[in-house]
Each structure stands twice: as C-alpha cells, then as structure tokens.
C-alpha cells in the first residue's frame, strides 16, 4: 500500500465504513475501492466519487496528484463523432 492508499483506508475507517459501504455510497464497484486502497490506478472519476462519498476532497486522499488509468470512465469518442479521415459531407 502507498501513501494514497493509506490515507484512503484511514479516512474510510475513521468514518466507520467498510470498502463495500464506501463503494455503494460512491456508486463504484467494491473492487475499485480495494484497488485505490492498494495504491493501484483508478480513474479520476472514481477518485472524485470516492472522495465525495467520504466527504473529503480528492486532494485529501490522493495528495493532489490524480491517479489515472484507461477504463470505462476515461475519455472516448462518442457515438456518431467524426473519426479522423472520415468524410461526412
């Protein structure tokens, strides 16, 4: 576990919440909370949701540095968006 994970665990436990309860409040999977607590990468969106569920800022948990990873919450083209090289004229 790294410092971010330690902070997250300490804050969650101080609030008297389990990982599953935190995940439910944050509307993320319990594995996302576990992943973050073990210092692994989670999306910025998940970071924000977890922090909000715990009533703190992301900076208080993640030290101000966003931990990002590719995943379903990250940027991706929207349906119908113009793909480079595609002519919709």
Foldseek 3Di string as FASTA:
>chain_A
DDQLLVQLVVLCVVVVHDLCRLCVQLVHDSVQNVCRNVVHADAPSSLQSSQVSSVHGSCSRVVPDHRHDDDPVDDDDDPPDDDPPDDPD
